Amino acid sequence: MKKLLLYILLFLFLITGCSSDKVEDVNTKTSGSFSKDDLVFVYENNSINLDDEIDDVLSKLSSLNEYDYSEAESCYYPGLDKTYKWDGLELITYPNTDGSERLCSITIKNDSFATSKGISVGSKASDVVDTYGDKYTKEGLAYRYSIDDNHYLDVYVLNDIVDSISYILIP
């Protein structure tokens, strides 16, 4: 009887030890691809890159209505982090060591804007994978695509629909 109980416990241990509660980080579906070019935001044929100087970026977005502006002391650098907001679009900058104000985040918050490959708020999660491929990690609600440890495209998905899109630079 003790042997039977021991075998049952061993069997249960093996079953639970071999199973995994871990959520898969990478989807295995084959599809599109992601590259450095996908980290460029395009507005009216103007390319906007992470780490661009904000004055250049603002001139490329000059056809948009006025923006809301806020600033706060930077947590990482001497100077101010600044935020520029339009309806559906938000930019965040950081103070570079050379004194310039540089772009570190672009967030698309409605369907008035899209990525260069046409993904926008309201797109299906399957369209994101079909467009950018299966080499992403899940970070909470985000499908995170990256080219290195400092440049990301985060596509936030809620109920299988894109809720927002962020281009992120960690300076």
C-alpha atoms as a PDB file:
ATOM      1  CA  MET A   1       0.000   0.000   0.000  1.00  0.00           C
ATOM      2  CA  LYS A   2       2.830   2.376   0.846  1.00  0.00           C
ATOM      3  CA  LYS A   3       4.471   1.585  -2.492  1.00  0.00           C
ATOM      4  CA  LEU A   4       1.257   2.374  -4.359  1.00  0.00           C
ATOM      5  CA  LEU A   5       0.894   5.666  -2.516  1.00  0.00           C
ATOM      6  CA  LEU A   6       4.552   6.470  -3.234  1.00  0.00           C
ATOM      7  CA  TYR A   7       4.056   5.725  -6.966  1.00  0.00           C
ATOM      8  CA  ILE A   8       0.932   7.898  -7.091  1.00  0.00           C
ATOM      9  CA  LEU A   9       2.742  10.788  -5.383  1.00  0.00           C
ATOM     10  CA  LEU A  10       5.739  10.372  -7.691  1.00  0.00           C
ATOM     11  CA  PHE A  11       3.427  10.304 -10.718  1.00  0.00           C
ATOM     12  CA  LEU A  12       1.618  13.469  -9.555  1.00  0.00           C
ATOM     13  CA  PHE A  13       4.936  15.185  -8.886  1.00  0.00           C
ATOM     14  CA  LEU A  14       6.186  14.336 -12.372  1.00  0.00           C
ATOM     15  CA  ILE A  15       2.989  15.567 -13.992  1.00  0.00           C
ATOM     16  CA  THR A  16       2.993  18.895 -12.159  1.00  0.00           C
ATOM     17  CA  GLY A  17       6.751  19.267 -12.523  1.00  0.00           C
ATOM     18  CA  CYS A  18       6.529  18.825 -16.283  1.00  0.00           C
ATOM     19  CA  SER A  19       3.616  21.161 -16.773  1.00  0.00           C
ATOM     20  CA  SER A  20       4.144  24.887 -16.959  1.00  0.00           C
ATOM     21  CA  ASP A  21       2.089  27.827 -15.809  1.00  0.00           C
ATOM     22  CA  LYS A  22       4.479  30.109 -17.672  1.00  0.00           C
ATOM     23  CA  VAL A  23       2.888  32.167 -20.403  1.00  0.00           C
ATOM     24  CA  GLU A  24       4.699  31.821 -23.699  1.00  0.00           C
ATOM     25  CA  ASP A  25       6.846  34.878 -24.428  1.00  0.00           C
ATOM     26  CA  VAL A  26       6.994  34.374 -28.144  1.00  0.00           C
ATOM     27  CA  ASN A  27       4.205  33.414 -30.501  1.00  0.00           C
ATOM     28  CA  THR A  28       5.118  30.622 -32.930  1.00  0.00           C
ATOM     29  CA  LYS A  29       3.009  31.705 -35.897  1.00  0.00           C
ATOM     30  CA  THR A  30       5.059  32.498 -38.999  1.00  0.00           C
ATOM     31  CA  SER A  31       4.297  35.809 -40.652  1.00  0.00           C
ATOM     32  CA  GLY A  32       5.663  39.303 -41.404  1.00  0.00           C
ATOM     33  CA  SER A  33       8.883  40.790 -40.143  1.00  0.00           C
ATOM     34  CA  PHE A  34      10.093  43.613 -37.911  1.00  0.00           C
ATOM     35  CA  SER A  35      13.130  45.775 -38.621  1.00  0.00           C
ATOM     36  CA  LYS A  36      14.753  49.071 -37.649  1.00  0.00           C
ATOM     37  CA  ASP A  37      12.656  50.782 -40.357  1.00  0.00           C
ATOM     38  CA  ASP A  38       9.517  49.897 -38.385  1.00  0.00           C
ATOM     39  CA  LEU A  39      10.672  52.206 -35.577  1.00  0.00           C
ATOM     40  CA  VAL A  40      10.183  55.241 -37.823  1.00  0.00           C
ATOM     41  CA  PHE A  41       6.900  57.131 -37.376  1.00  0.00           C
ATOM     42  CA  VAL A  42       5.697  58.705 -40.633  1.00  0.00           C
ATOM     43  CA  TYR A  43       3.340  61.657 -40.719  1.00  0.00           C
ATOM     44  CA  GLU A  44       2.427  63.317 -44.042  1.00  0.00           C
ATOM     45  CA  ASN A  45       5.509  61.791 -45.710  1.00  0.00           C
ATOM     46  CA  ASN A  46       7.777  63.098 -42.928  1.00  0.00           C
ATOM     47  CA  SER A  47       9.892  60.510 -41.136  1.00  0.00           C
ATOM     48  CA  ILE A  48      10.215  60.971 -37.393  1.00  0.00           C
ATOM     49  CA  ASN A  49      12.829  58.921 -35.580  1.00  0.00           C
ATOM     50  CA  LEU A  50      13.347  58.269 -31.922  1.00  0.00           C
ATOM     51  CA  ASP A  51      16.197  60.469 -30.646  1.00  0.00           C
ATOM     52  CA  ASP A  52      15.399  63.248 -33.171  1.00  0.00           C
ATOM     53  CA  GLU A  53      15.640  66.797 -31.825  1.00  0.00           C
ATOM     54  CA  ILE A  54      12.185  67.976 -30.800  1.00  0.00           C
ATOM     55  CA  ASP A  55      12.321  71.219 -32.831  1.00  0.00           C
ATOM     56  CA  ASP A  56      12.746  69.153 -36.006  1.00  0.00           C
ATOM     57  CA  VAL A  57       9.899  66.861 -34.947  1.00  0.00           C
ATOM     58  CA  LEU A  58       7.538  69.744 -34.155  1.00  0.00           C
ATOM     59  CA  SER A  59       8.199  71.318 -37.547  1.00  0.00           C
ATOM     60  CA  LYS A  60       7.269  68.010 -39.222  1.00  0.00           C
ATOM     61  CA  LEU A  61       4.010  67.971 -37.242  1.00  0.00           C
ATOM     62  CA  SER A  62       3.220  71.647 -37.819  1.00  0.00           C
ATOM     63  CA  SER A  63       0.001  70.892 -39.733  1.00  0.00           C
ATOM     64  CA  LEU A  64      -1.551  69.398 -36.579  1.00  0.00           C
ATOM     65  CA  ASN A  65      -3.635  71.639 -34.346  1.00  0.00           C
ATOM     66  CA  GLU A  66      -2.083  73.201 -31.278  1.00  0.00           C
ATOM     67  CA  TYR A  67      -0.741  70.832 -28.672  1.00  0.00           C
ATOM     68  CA  ASP A  68      -0.859  70.607 -24.903  1.00  0.00           C
ATOM     69  CA  TYR A  69       2.514  70.869 -23.229  1.00  0.00           C
ATOM     70  CA  SER A  70       3.760  69.754 -19.829  1.00  0.00           C
ATOM     71  CA  GLU A  71       7.119  69.236 -18.214  1.00  0.00           C
ATOM     72  CA  ALA A  72       8.590  67.595 -15.139  1.00  0.00           C
ATOM     73  CA  GLU A  73      12.012  67.222 -13.637  1.00  0.00           C
ATOM     74  CA  SER A  74      13.734  64.264 -15.292  1.00  0.00           C
ATOM     75  CA  CYS A  75      14.280  61.226 -13.092  1.00  0.00           C
ATOM     76  CA  TYR A  76      17.383  60.200 -15.022  1.00  0.00           C
ATOM     77  CA  TYR A  77      19.037  63.299 -16.468  1.00  0.00           C
ATOM     78  CA  PRO A  78      19.659  66.862 -15.366  1.00  0.00           C
ATOM     79  CA  GLY A  79      16.857  68.941 -16.850  1.00  0.00           C
ATOM     80  CA  LEU A  80      13.233  68.443 -17.820  1.00  0.00           C
ATOM     81  CA  ASP A  81      11.304  65.647 -19.484  1.00  0.00           C
ATOM     82  CA  LYS A  82       8.680  67.282 -21.704  1.00  0.00           C
ATOM     83  CA  THR A  83       5.369  65.992 -23.059  1.00  0.00           C
ATOM     84  CA  TYR A  84       3.574  67.243 -26.181  1.00  0.00           C
ATOM     85  CA  LYS A  85      -0.013  66.052 -26.705  1.00  0.00           C
ATOM     86  CA  TRP A  86      -2.402  66.282 -29.624  1.00  0.00           C
ATOM     87  CA  ASP A  87      -5.689  64.438 -29.990  1.00  0.00           C
ATOM     88  CA  GLY A  88      -4.499  60.867 -30.539  1.00  0.00           C
ATOM     89  CA  LEU A  89      -0.754  61.494 -30.408  1.00  0.00           C
ATOM     90  CA  GLU A  90       1.699  62.017 -27.555  1.00  0.00           C
ATOM     91  CA  LEU A  91       5.435  62.734 -27.660  1.00  0.00           C
ATOM     92  CA  ILE A  92       7.824  62.607 -24.707  1.00  0.00           C
ATOM     93  CA  THR A  93      11.342  64.011 -24.751  1.00  0.00           C
ATOM     94  CA  TYR A  94      14.392  63.797 -22.551  1.00  0.00           C
ATOM     95  CA  PRO A  95      17.219  66.284 -21.946  1.00  0.00           C
ATOM     96  CA  ASN A  96      20.286  65.026 -23.781  1.00  0.00           C
ATOM     97  CA  THR A  97      23.744  65.543 -22.300  1.00  0.00           C
ATOM     98  CA  ASP A  98      24.562  68.001 -25.118  1.00  0.00           C
ATOM     99  CA  GLY A  99      21.701  70.252 -23.953  1.00  0.00           C
ATOM    100  CA  SER A 100      19.305  69.311 -26.741  1.00  0.00           C
ATOM    101  CA  GLU A 101      15.773  68.030 -26.196  1.00  0.00           C
ATOM    102  CA  ARG A 102      15.388  64.636 -27.858  1.00  0.00           C
ATOM    103  CA  LEU A 103      12.440  62.377 -28.628  1.00  0.00           C
ATOM    104  CA  CYS A 104      12.207  59.181 -26.541  1.00  0.00           C
ATOM    105  CA  SER A 105       8.550  58.189 -26.947  1.00  0.00           C
ATOM    106  CA  ILE A 106       5.783  58.440 -29.539  1.00  0.00           C
ATOM    107  CA  THR A 107       2.364  57.093 -28.570  1.00  0.00           C
ATOM    108  CA  ILE A 108      -0.562  56.668 -30.947  1.00  0.00           C
ATOM    109  CA  LYS A 109      -3.854  56.776 -29.032  1.00  0.00           C
ATOM    110  CA  ASN A 110      -6.555  56.785 -31.733  1.00  0.00           C
ATOM    111  CA  ASP A 111      -7.110  55.756 -35.341  1.00  0.00           C
ATOM    112  CA  SER A 112      -6.112  59.158 -36.754  1.00  0.00           C
ATOM    113  CA  PHE A 113      -2.506  57.910 -36.854  1.00  0.00           C
ATOM    114  CA  ALA A 114      -0.936  54.619 -37.911  1.00  0.00           C
ATOM    115  CA  THR A 115       2.425  52.927 -38.155  1.00  0.00           C
ATOM    116  CA  SER A 116       4.255  52.999 -41.479  1.00  0.00           C
ATOM    117  CA  LYS A 117       2.785  49.540 -42.153  1.00  0.00           C
ATOM    118  CA  GLY A 118      -0.797  50.648 -41.484  1.00  0.00           C
ATOM    119  CA  ILE A 119      -1.389  49.286 -37.985  1.00  0.00           C
ATOM    120  CA  SER A 120      -3.563  51.662 -35.949  1.00  0.00           C
ATOM    121  CA  VAL A 121      -5.816  51.736 -32.915  1.00  0.00           C
ATOM    122  CA  GLY A 122      -8.674  49.383 -33.795  1.00  0.00           C
ATOM    123  CA  SER A 123      -6.550  46.927 -35.807  1.00  0.00           C
ATOM    124  CA  LYS A 124      -6.806  43.243 -34.894  1.00  0.00           C
ATOM    125  CA  ALA A 125      -4.051  41.572 -32.880  1.00  0.00           C
ATOM    126  CA  SER A 126      -3.724  39.004 -35.674  1.00  0.00           C
ATOM    127  CA  ASP A 127      -3.028  41.852 -38.125  1.00  0.00           C
ATOM    128  CA  VAL A 128      -0.171  43.014 -35.886  1.00  0.00           C
ATOM    129  CA  VAL A 129       1.443  39.563 -35.975  1.00  0.00           C
ATOM    130  CA  ASP A 130       0.769  39.179 -39.705  1.00  0.00           C
ATOM    131  CA  THR A 131       2.443  42.558 -40.279  1.00  0.00           C
ATOM    132  CA  TYR A 132       5.364  42.534 -37.835  1.00  0.00           C
ATOM    133  CA  GLY A 133       5.933  38.834 -37.325  1.00  0.00           C
ATOM    134  CA  ASP A 134       6.116  36.430 -34.462  1.00  0.00           C
ATOM    135  CA  LYS A 135       9.326  37.638 -32.855  1.00  0.00           C
ATOM    136  CA  TYR A 136       7.728  39.613 -30.036  1.00  0.00           C
ATOM    137  CA  THR A 137       7.560  39.284 -26.292  1.00  0.00           C
ATOM    138  CA  LYS A 138       4.431  39.793 -24.244  1.00  0.00           C
ATOM    139  CA  GLU A 139       4.857  42.626 -21.743  1.00  0.00           C
ATOM    140  CA  GLY A 140       1.517  42.869 -19.954  1.00  0.00           C
ATOM    141  CA  LEU A 141      -0.946  43.976 -22.644  1.00  0.00           C
ATOM    142  CA  ALA A 142       1.846  44.820 -25.094  1.00  0.00           C
ATOM    143  CA  TYR A 143       3.259  42.879 -28.002  1.00  0.00           C
ATOM    144  CA  ARG A 144       6.850  44.170 -27.762  1.00  0.00           C
ATOM    145  CA  TYR A 145       8.980  44.222 -30.890  1.00  0.00           C
ATOM    146  CA  SER A 146      12.592  45.319 -30.537  1.00  0.00           C
ATOM    147  CA  ILE A 147      15.820  45.601 -32.454  1.00  0.00           C
ATOM    148  CA  ASP A 148      17.999  45.926 -29.340  1.00  0.00           C
ATOM    149  CA  ASP A 149      17.685  46.592 -25.619  1.00  0.00           C
ATOM    150  CA  ASN A 150      16.921  50.302 -26.129  1.00  0.00           C
ATOM    151  CA  HIS A 151      14.456  50.535 -29.056  1.00  0.00           C
ATOM    152  CA  TYR A 152      10.912  49.121 -28.892  1.00  0.00           C
ATOM    153  CA  LEU A 153       7.608  49.138 -30.656  1.00  0.00           C
ATOM    154  CA  ASP A 154       4.931  48.266 -28.096  1.00  0.00           C
ATOM    155  CA  VAL A 155       1.494  47.458 -29.480  1.00  0.00           C
ATOM    156  CA  TYR A 156      -1.028  47.384 -26.637  1.00  0.00           C
ATOM    157  CA  VAL A 157      -3.857  44.943 -27.263  1.00  0.00           C
ATOM    158  CA  LEU A 158      -7.089  44.732 -25.308  1.00  0.00           C
ATOM    159  CA  ASN A 159      -9.667  42.057 -26.230  1.00  0.00           C
ATOM    160  CA  ASP A 160      -7.690  41.227 -29.408  1.00  0.00           C
ATOM    161  CA  ILE A 161      -7.919  44.845 -30.643  1.00  0.00           C
ATOM    162  CA  VAL A 162      -5.067  47.394 -30.718  1.00  0.00           C
ATOM    163  CA  ASP A 163      -5.673  49.980 -27.997  1.00  0.00           C
ATOM    164  CA  SER A 164      -2.508  52.087 -28.437  1.00  0.00           C
ATOM    165  CA  ILE A 165       0.946  51.940 -30.021  1.00  0.00           C
ATOM    166  CA  SER A 166       4.203  53.255 -28.549  1.00  0.00           C
ATOM    167  CA  TYR A 167       7.610  53.760 -30.098  1.00  0.00           C
ATOM    168  CA  ILE A 168      10.093  53.789 -27.227  1.00  0.00           C
ATOM    169  CA  LEU A 169      13.750  54.718 -26.845  1.00  0.00           C
ATOM    170  CA  ILE A 170      15.555  54.027 -23.589  1.00  0.00           C
ATOM    171  CA  PRO A 171      18.398  56.592 -23.818  1.00  0.00           C
END
